[in-house]
Amino acid sequence: MKKRLKGISLIISLLALIILGGTSAKASEQYEDTLTMAEVLDQNEAELSETEITGIAVGTSRRLTLENVAMDPSTYQITYTSENSKVASVASDGTITAVAAGTTNINLTISFTDQSYRTYSCKVTVTNPSFTQSTYVVAVGGELSLQVKGSNSEIYDCKVNDESIASVSYWYDLSVVGNKVGTTTIQATVDGKVITATVQVTNPTIKDNLKLIVKGKSANIKVTGKSGKTKVTYQIANSKIASISSSGKIKGKKYGSTVVTVSVDNTTIPVVVAVGKTKTIGAIKNAVKALGKPYSQPKRMQKGYYDCSSLVWRSYKPYKVYFGDKKYAPTAANQGKYLVQKKKVIAKKYVDPSKLQPGDVLYFTKGKNGRYRNIYHTAIYIGEGVIIHANGAQVAYGSYSYYQNRIALITRPTK
């Protein structure tokens, strides 16, 4: 009887194992079947084509899509929504249109037939870029940096309509360079938007870049060829020598020279200012009138011709400074000797230009020529390292520092 009961128990246990085993298999199959379609989408690693759009300009569009879906299109539906349609709107195909500057989220929701769904979000920043100026003014040869407002993005595809008038430079940053007088347009692409501005190229000039002023007197700086759209400003290097007003009026205060920098139409123009006595300023003006006249020793005293010593003598003669001879210009060596005798010498070698005054007369030596201190050449100092002399070809400006190793005498005839 006990053996029979054990047999029956064994049979029941086997049946139970069979039944339970089948139920477990079906339960596993049911578990697999219960994966939602959204979960399958997750396994596909679906993602938005962009999760953040940092720059899309007002009026431009961009399409947003869901990638790596890999599922039967009949089993799902995609909808797009904007959290702020006043900033950016979105169409049913995912095309985003920028409406106004600001930030919003564009949401994409994919809904499946099994009622599961997933939502993805893209942060969108809308910009409204434009050039900082509607018209840029730049002088011929000048360079002006181009800046954009309403966006932090870089400028792309920048070009000028007429490159003979202006051109684009990328040397340090994006700039426009003036080539010739005229007006043209410039355009660039920023955040997908084409922005434009006008470029006006001018040629501001100052007729007289050398202002010779008697101490206590005044002179005006006049700028022509300017646009009138930018402010003209003046800055003086040494206000002890001269003053400058906001309108460009210079007044001589102390003997010496300095430079006024004129800023106009995004360029700068230097003006040398020399302040001196009536005699010295007058002598420099006489020499300047002779600029370009030919050099000639045989004709040195004839009208329209000069050599170095006759230029100095003839420039100073109207002010009764004769260098030892009232009727005929002495040679440079004889002039130097006379000024030494009259104790008109301030130095016998090169000195810093700051120690010189406009109208000082310089004498130069080169080798041995048998003349006094071997002097062979002379010139009038103007200021800021500039001299005027008859250089062997014509009357011209020159450089004081060029002769620094040849200086025999620096004199002040009106001392």
Protein backbone atom coordinates (compact mmCIF):
# COMPACT_ATOMS: atom_id res chain seq x y z
CA MET A 1 0.00 0.00 0.00
CA LYS A 2 2.84 2.42 0.91
CA LYS A 3 4.62 1.60 -2.36
CA ARG A 4 1.41 2.34 -4.29
CA LEU A 5 1.05 5.71 -2.57
CA LYS A 6 4.68 6.63 -3.35
CA GLY A 7 4.08 5.76 -7.00
CA ILE A 8 1.00 7.91 -7.18
CA SER A 9 2.93 10.78 -5.47
CA LEU A 10 5.73 10.48 -7.99
CA ILE A 11 3.31 10.62 -10.90
CA ILE A 12 1.66 13.74 -9.44
CA SER A 13 5.07 15.40 -8.96
CA LEU A 14 6.03 14.71 -12.57
CA LEU A 15 2.73 16.09 -13.85
CA ALA A 16 3.26 19.17 -11.69
CA LEU A 17 6.72 19.73 -13.12
CA ILE A 18 5.40 19.41 -16.65
CA ILE A 19 2.51 21.76 -15.96
CA LEU A 20 4.64 24.31 -14.12
CA GLY A 21 7.39 24.18 -16.72
CA GLY A 22 4.89 24.92 -19.50
CA THR A 23 3.37 27.77 -17.52
CA SER A 24 6.83 29.31 -16.91
CA ALA A 25 7.65 29.23 -20.62
CA LYS A 26 4.35 30.90 -21.48
CA ALA A 27 4.97 33.53 -18.78
CA SER A 28 8.36 34.33 -20.34
CA GLU A 29 6.79 34.67 -23.76
CA GLN A 30 4.14 36.97 -22.32
CA TYR A 31 6.87 39.12 -20.70
CA GLU A 32 8.59 39.57 -24.03
CA ASP A 33 5.32 40.40 -25.72
CA THR A 34 4.59 43.12 -23.17
CA LEU A 35 7.52 45.42 -24.32
CA THR A 36 5.88 48.62 -25.44
CA MET A 37 6.66 50.07 -28.83
CA ALA A 38 8.17 53.08 -27.06
CA GLU A 39 10.57 50.74 -25.26
CA VAL A 40 11.52 49.18 -28.58
CA LEU A 41 12.20 52.73 -29.84
CA ASP A 42 14.50 53.24 -26.87
CA GLN A 43 16.41 50.13 -27.82
CA ASN A 44 16.88 51.63 -31.29
CA GLU A 45 18.54 54.64 -29.61
CA ALA A 46 16.34 57.14 -31.39
CA GLU A 47 17.42 60.78 -31.08
CA LEU A 48 16.70 64.25 -32.43
CA SER A 49 18.76 65.56 -35.31
CA GLU A 50 19.59 68.51 -33.00
CA THR A 51 19.07 68.90 -29.27
CA GLU A 52 20.08 72.57 -29.18
CA ILE A 53 20.04 75.27 -31.86
CA THR A 54 22.14 78.14 -30.53
CA GLY A 55 21.60 80.54 -33.39
CA ILE A 56 18.75 80.79 -35.87
CA ALA A 57 18.00 84.25 -37.19
CA VAL A 58 14.54 85.80 -37.33
CA GLY A 59 12.86 84.91 -40.60
CA THR A 60 14.98 81.83 -41.26
CA SER A 61 14.01 78.16 -40.90
CA ARG A 62 15.51 74.82 -40.00
CA ARG A 63 14.03 71.33 -39.99
CA LEU A 64 14.07 69.08 -36.94
CA THR A 65 13.75 65.28 -37.36
CA LEU A 66 13.80 62.12 -35.25
CA GLU A 67 16.55 59.71 -36.29
CA ASN A 68 17.07 55.96 -35.73
CA VAL A 69 13.35 55.15 -35.52
CA ALA A 70 13.55 51.92 -37.65
CA MET A 71 9.90 51.00 -37.07
CA ASP A 72 6.84 50.53 -39.24
CA PRO A 73 5.55 54.07 -40.01
CA SER A 74 1.98 52.81 -39.75
CA THR A 75 2.50 52.11 -36.05
CA TYR A 76 3.33 55.65 -34.92
CA GLN A 77 2.58 59.32 -35.39
CA ILE A 78 4.91 62.31 -34.83
CA THR A 79 3.72 65.70 -33.65
CA TYR A 80 5.70 68.90 -33.05
CA THR A 81 4.88 71.68 -30.62
CA SER A 82 6.51 74.95 -29.58
CA GLU A 83 6.49 76.08 -25.99
CA ASN A 84 6.52 79.71 -27.20
CA SER A 85 5.31 80.21 -30.74
CA LYS A 86 6.02 83.95 -30.46
CA VAL A 87 9.72 83.08 -30.44
CA ALA A 88 9.71 80.11 -32.82
CA SER A 89 6.92 78.20 -34.53
CA VAL A 90 7.09 74.65 -35.86
CA ALA A 91 5.24 72.99 -38.76
CA SER A 92 3.89 69.45 -38.88
CA ASP A 93 6.98 68.30 -40.81
CA GLY A 94 9.34 69.66 -38.13
CA THR A 95 10.31 72.88 -39.90
CA ILE A 96 11.17 75.49 -37.28
CA THR A 97 10.66 79.15 -38.21
CA ALA A 98 12.34 81.85 -36.14
CA VAL A 99 9.85 84.58 -35.23
CA ALA A 100 11.46 86.85 -32.66
CA ALA A 101 14.65 87.02 -30.59
CA GLY A 102 14.47 84.79 -27.53
CA THR A 103 14.69 81.18 -26.35
CA THR A 104 12.12 78.40 -26.35
CA ASN A 105 11.82 74.61 -26.59
CA ILE A 106 10.54 72.69 -29.59
CA ASN A 107 9.08 69.34 -28.54
CA LEU A 108 8.71 66.26 -30.72
CA THR A 109 6.31 63.58 -29.52
CA ILE A 110 6.10 60.15 -31.15
CA SER A 111 2.89 58.21 -30.29
CA PHE A 112 2.41 54.52 -31.02
CA THR A 113 -0.70 52.43 -31.69
CA ASP A 114 -0.18 50.61 -28.38
CA GLN A 115 -0.72 53.96 -26.60
CA SER A 116 2.96 54.32 -25.63
CA TYR A 117 4.90 57.46 -26.55
CA ARG A 118 8.15 59.36 -26.16
CA THR A 119 8.86 63.12 -26.11
CA TYR A 120 12.11 64.75 -27.18
CA SER A 121 13.05 68.41 -26.69
CA CYS A 122 15.29 70.84 -28.58
CA LYS A 123 16.32 74.18 -27.09
CA VAL A 124 16.13 76.93 -29.72
CA THR A 125 17.73 80.38 -29.43
CA VAL A 126 16.44 82.88 -31.96
CA THR A 127 18.67 85.84 -32.88
CA ASN A 128 18.11 89.04 -34.82
CA PRO A 129 21.55 89.89 -36.25
CA SER A 130 22.48 93.09 -38.04
CA PHE A 131 25.61 95.16 -38.58
CA THR A 132 26.24 97.63 -35.77
CA GLN A 133 26.01 100.47 -38.28
CA SER A 134 23.76 100.91 -41.28
CA THR A 135 26.57 102.90 -42.94
CA TYR A 136 30.27 102.40 -42.33
CA VAL A 137 32.56 105.29 -43.20
CA VAL A 138 36.22 104.58 -43.86
CA ALA A 139 38.95 106.64 -45.50
CA VAL A 140 41.01 105.55 -48.49
CA GLY A 141 43.74 103.33 -47.10
CA GLY A 142 41.95 103.06 -43.77
CA GLU A 143 40.59 99.91 -42.14
CA LEU A 144 37.48 99.53 -40.00
CA SER A 145 36.45 96.52 -37.93
CA LEU A 146 33.03 95.08 -38.77
CA GLN A 147 30.84 94.19 -35.81
CA VAL A 148 27.45 92.49 -35.52
CA LYS A 149 24.77 93.09 -32.91
CA GLY A 150 21.90 90.78 -31.99
CA SER A 151 23.99 87.61 -32.19
CA ASN A 152 27.15 86.08 -30.76
CA SER A 153 27.81 84.03 -33.86
CA GLU A 154 30.65 84.63 -36.30
CA ILE A 155 30.23 86.37 -39.64
CA TYR A 156 30.40 84.14 -42.70
CA ASP A 157 30.58 84.76 -46.45
CA CYS A 158 31.30 88.45 -46.10
CA LYS A 159 31.71 90.26 -49.41
CA VAL A 160 31.61 93.74 -50.93
CA ASN A 161 29.52 94.54 -53.96
CA ASP A 162 32.19 96.75 -55.59
CA GLU A 163 35.67 95.68 -54.54
CA SER A 164 37.28 98.57 -56.39
CA ILE A 165 35.77 100.86 -53.73
CA ALA A 166 36.25 98.68 -50.65
CA SER A 167 37.43 95.19 -49.79
CA VAL A 168 37.22 92.76 -46.88
CA SER A 169 40.24 91.94 -44.71
CA TYR A 170 40.65 89.00 -42.30
CA TRP A 171 44.14 90.01 -41.09
CA TYR A 172 43.35 90.48 -37.39
CA ASP A 173 39.58 90.42 -37.42
CA LEU A 174 36.92 90.98 -40.03
CA SER A 175 37.42 94.50 -41.41
CA VAL A 176 36.54 96.63 -44.39
CA VAL A 177 39.35 98.48 -46.18
CA GLY A 178 38.85 101.68 -48.17
CA ASN A 179 40.27 101.53 -51.70
CA LYS A 180 38.87 104.57 -53.51
CA VAL A 181 36.27 107.26 -52.97
CA GLY A 182 32.75 105.99 -53.49
CA THR A 183 29.81 104.11 -51.98
CA THR A 184 29.05 100.40 -52.11
CA THR A 185 27.32 97.71 -50.06
CA ILE A 186 28.64 94.92 -47.91
CA GLN A 187 26.80 91.73 -46.98
CA ALA A 188 27.42 88.74 -44.77
CA THR A 189 25.60 85.66 -43.48
CA VAL A 190 24.95 85.35 -39.73
CA ASP A 191 22.82 82.54 -38.24
CA GLY A 192 21.47 81.80 -41.68
CA LYS A 193 20.42 85.40 -42.37
CA VAL A 194 21.99 87.71 -44.95
CA ILE A 195 22.69 91.10 -43.41
CA THR A 196 23.75 94.21 -45.33
CA ALA A 197 25.22 97.66 -44.74
CA THR A 198 26.44 100.58 -46.80
CA VAL A 199 30.15 101.40 -47.02
CA GLN A 200 31.19 104.96 -47.81
CA VAL A 201 34.84 105.54 -48.66
CA THR A 202 36.19 109.07 -48.32
CA ASN A 203 39.54 110.79 -48.77
CA PRO A 204 39.91 113.31 -45.93
CA THR A 205 42.93 115.54 -46.41
CA ILE A 206 44.62 118.46 -44.72
CA LYS A 207 46.17 120.81 -47.25
CA ASP A 208 48.90 121.96 -44.92
CA ASN A 209 50.32 119.18 -42.75
CA LEU A 210 52.93 121.58 -41.40
CA LYS A 211 51.70 124.39 -39.19
CA LEU A 212 54.29 127.13 -38.63
CA ILE A 213 53.14 129.34 -35.77
CA VAL A 214 54.71 132.32 -34.08
CA LYS A 215 54.55 131.98 -30.31
CA GLY A 216 51.29 133.49 -29.07
CA LYS A 217 49.64 133.28 -32.50
CA SER A 218 47.08 130.79 -33.79
CA ALA A 219 46.33 128.68 -36.85
CA ASN A 220 43.43 126.49 -37.89
CA ILE A 221 43.45 122.92 -39.14
CA LYS A 222 40.98 122.48 -41.99
CA VAL A 223 39.93 119.01 -43.12
CA THR A 224 38.46 118.55 -46.59
CA GLY A 225 37.04 115.47 -48.28
CA LYS A 226 35.46 114.12 -45.10
CA SER A 227 32.05 112.47 -44.92
CA GLY A 228 30.54 114.70 -42.28
CA LYS A 229 29.10 111.56 -40.67
CA THR A 230 31.89 110.98 -38.18
CA LYS A 231 33.22 113.33 -35.53
CA VAL A 232 36.54 115.03 -36.19
CA THR A 233 38.78 114.96 -33.11
CA TYR A 234 42.19 116.45 -32.37
CA GLN A 235 44.88 115.25 -29.98
CA ILE A 236 48.15 117.03 -29.34
CA ALA A 237 51.28 115.20 -28.25
CA ASN A 238 52.80 118.04 -26.20
CA SER A 239 50.36 120.56 -24.81
CA LYS A 240 53.23 122.65 -23.39
CA ILE A 241 54.28 123.61 -26.92
CA ALA A 242 50.79 124.37 -28.25
CA SER A 243 47.12 123.97 -27.43
CA ILE A 244 44.39 122.59 -29.67
CA SER A 245 40.67 123.32 -29.46
CA SER A 246 37.82 120.94 -30.27
CA SER A 247 37.36 122.82 -33.54
CA GLY A 248 41.00 122.42 -34.61
CA LYS A 249 42.42 125.81 -33.62
CA ILE A 250 46.09 125.66 -32.60
CA LYS A 251 47.77 128.29 -30.43
CA GLY A 252 51.53 128.46 -30.00
CA LYS A 253 52.63 128.52 -26.36
CA LYS A 254 56.35 127.69 -26.25
CA TYR A 255 59.25 127.41 -28.72
CA GLY A 256 59.50 123.88 -30.03
CA SER A 257 57.53 121.38 -32.04
CA THR A 258 54.84 118.78 -31.52
CA VAL A 259 52.30 116.75 -33.46
CA VAL A 260 48.53 117.04 -33.66
CA THR A 261 46.77 113.80 -34.58
CA VAL A 262 43.52 114.41 -36.45
CA SER A 263 41.01 111.54 -36.34
CA VAL A 264 38.39 111.58 -39.08
CA ASP A 265 36.39 108.93 -40.94
CA ASN A 266 38.16 106.15 -39.08
CA THR A 267 41.63 107.23 -40.08
CA THR A 268 44.27 109.50 -38.56
CA ILE A 269 46.26 112.34 -40.13
CA PRO A 270 49.36 113.77 -38.40
CA VAL A 271 50.05 117.50 -38.50
CA VAL A 272 53.47 118.80 -37.46
CA VAL A 273 53.30 122.00 -35.43
CA ALA A 274 56.36 124.24 -35.16
CA VAL A 275 56.30 127.20 -32.76
CA GLY A 276 59.02 129.81 -32.91
CA LYS A 277 59.97 133.47 -33.18
CA THR A 278 58.74 135.70 -35.98
CA LYS A 279 62.13 135.54 -37.69
CA THR A 280 62.60 131.77 -37.45
CA ILE A 281 59.05 130.91 -38.50
CA GLY A 282 59.34 133.39 -41.36
CA ALA A 283 62.64 131.87 -42.51
CA ILE A 284 61.13 128.35 -42.50
CA LYS A 285 58.15 129.59 -44.52
CA ASN A 286 60.53 131.10 -47.09
CA ALA A 287 62.40 127.81 -47.37
CA VAL A 288 59.15 125.86 -47.71
CA LYS A 289 58.15 128.12 -50.64
CA ALA A 290 61.28 126.89 -52.42
CA LEU A 291 60.36 123.19 -52.14
CA GLY A 292 61.03 121.40 -55.42
CA LYS A 293 63.26 124.13 -56.85
CA PRO A 294 66.40 122.78 -58.54
CA TYR A 295 69.84 122.65 -56.96
CA SER A 296 72.63 124.59 -58.68
CA GLN A 297 75.90 125.97 -57.38
CA PRO A 298 76.61 128.15 -60.45
CA LYS A 299 73.10 129.67 -60.26
CA ARG A 300 72.80 129.58 -56.46
CA MET A 301 71.91 133.25 -56.18
CA GLN A 302 69.56 133.36 -59.15
CA LYS A 303 65.79 133.25 -58.79
CA GLY A 304 64.45 129.69 -58.81
CA TYR A 305 67.81 128.04 -58.04
CA TYR A 306 69.49 127.14 -54.76
CA ASP A 307 72.36 125.37 -53.16
CA CYS A 308 72.37 124.49 -49.46
CA SER A 309 74.00 127.67 -48.16
CA SER A 310 72.10 130.07 -50.41
CA LEU A 311 68.79 128.52 -49.31
CA VAL A 312 69.63 129.23 -45.64
CA TRP A 313 70.93 132.74 -46.37
CA ARG A 314 68.03 133.73 -48.68
CA SER A 315 65.45 132.34 -46.25
CA TYR A 316 66.79 134.44 -43.37
CA LYS A 317 67.76 137.58 -45.33
CA PRO A 318 64.30 139.27 -45.17
CA TYR A 319 64.66 139.18 -41.38
CA LYS A 320 68.12 140.83 -41.47
CA VAL A 321 70.03 137.73 -40.54
CA TYR A 322 72.95 137.67 -43.00
CA PHE A 323 75.45 135.09 -41.65
CA GLY A 324 78.30 137.60 -42.11
CA ASP A 325 77.50 139.00 -45.56
CA LYS A 326 74.54 141.22 -46.47
CA LYS A 327 74.90 140.92 -50.25
CA TYR A 328 75.98 137.38 -51.05
CA ALA A 329 75.42 134.02 -49.39
CA PRO A 330 78.59 132.74 -47.70
CA THR A 331 79.45 129.06 -48.07
CA ALA A 332 78.18 126.66 -45.43
CA ALA A 333 81.64 126.52 -43.80
CA ASN A 334 81.93 130.30 -43.64
CA GLN A 335 78.41 130.58 -42.22
CA GLY A 336 79.33 128.11 -39.51
CA LYS A 337 82.54 129.96 -38.70
CA TYR A 338 80.67 133.26 -38.44
CA LEU A 339 78.03 131.81 -36.09
CA VAL A 340 80.75 130.35 -33.85
CA GLN A 341 82.36 133.78 -33.64
CA LYS A 342 79.01 135.34 -32.77
CA LYS A 343 78.42 132.67 -30.11
CA LYS A 344 75.28 131.40 -31.78
CA VAL A 345 76.21 127.72 -31.33
CA ILE A 346 74.11 125.48 -29.07
CA ALA A 347 75.86 122.17 -29.81
CA LYS A 348 78.77 120.69 -31.76
CA LYS A 349 77.34 117.22 -32.05
CA TYR A 350 74.02 115.44 -32.30
CA VAL A 351 71.50 116.26 -29.56
CA ASP A 352 68.03 114.96 -28.94
CA PRO A 353 65.43 116.66 -31.20
CA SER A 354 63.59 117.86 -28.09
CA LYS A 355 66.49 120.24 -27.45
CA LEU A 356 66.12 121.90 -30.86
CA GLN A 357 63.88 124.76 -31.88
CA PRO A 358 62.28 125.50 -35.25
CA GLY A 359 64.67 127.63 -37.33
CA ASP A 360 67.90 126.23 -35.88
CA VAL A 361 70.53 125.92 -38.60
CA LEU A 362 72.57 122.72 -38.81
CA TYR A 363 76.03 122.28 -40.35
CA PHE A 364 77.38 118.91 -41.42
CA THR A 365 80.87 117.50 -41.95
CA LYS A 366 82.09 114.65 -44.10
CA GLY A 367 85.76 113.73 -44.41
CA LYS A 368 88.42 116.40 -44.81
CA ASN A 369 87.85 119.23 -47.27
CA GLY A 370 90.11 121.94 -45.88
CA ARG A 371 87.17 124.13 -44.87
CA TYR A 372 86.25 125.26 -41.40
CA ARG A 373 85.49 122.15 -39.32
CA ASN A 374 85.29 120.30 -42.67
CA ILE A 375 81.74 121.62 -43.10
CA TYR A 376 80.23 120.75 -46.47
CA HIS A 377 76.44 121.09 -46.03
CA THR A 378 73.77 123.03 -44.13
CA ALA A 379 70.02 122.80 -43.43
CA ILE A 380 67.24 124.45 -41.47
CA TYR A 381 65.57 122.48 -38.70
CA ILE A 382 61.76 122.56 -38.74
CA GLY A 383 60.69 120.23 -35.94
CA GLU A 384 59.85 116.63 -35.08
CA GLY A 385 63.10 115.46 -36.67
CA VAL A 386 62.39 117.16 -40.02
CA ILE A 387 64.83 119.46 -41.83
CA ILE A 388 64.62 121.39 -45.08
CA HIS A 389 67.64 121.75 -47.36
CA ALA A 390 68.91 121.87 -50.92
CA ASN A 391 69.99 118.24 -51.08
CA GLY A 392 72.05 118.22 -54.28
CA ALA A 393 69.06 117.69 -56.53
CA GLN A 394 66.37 120.04 -55.26
CA VAL A 395 64.98 121.77 -52.20
CA ALA A 396 63.34 119.05 -50.12
CA TYR A 397 62.52 117.83 -46.65
CA GLY A 398 65.02 115.55 -44.95
CA SER A 399 65.72 113.66 -41.74
CA TYR A 400 67.73 115.13 -38.87
CA SER A 401 68.63 111.69 -37.55
CA TYR A 402 70.08 110.69 -40.94
CA TYR A 403 72.92 113.16 -40.35
CA GLN A 404 73.47 112.49 -36.65
CA ASN A 405 77.03 111.18 -37.16
CA ARG A 406 77.98 114.13 -39.38
CA ILE A 407 76.91 117.09 -37.29
CA ALA A 408 79.61 119.75 -36.90
CA LEU A 409 77.49 122.58 -35.51
CA ILE A 410 73.95 123.25 -34.36
CA THR A 411 73.31 126.96 -34.33
CA ARG A 412 70.54 129.36 -33.40
CA PRO A 413 70.98 132.43 -35.62
CA THR A 414 68.40 134.50 -33.75
CA LYS A 415 69.87 133.67 -30.33
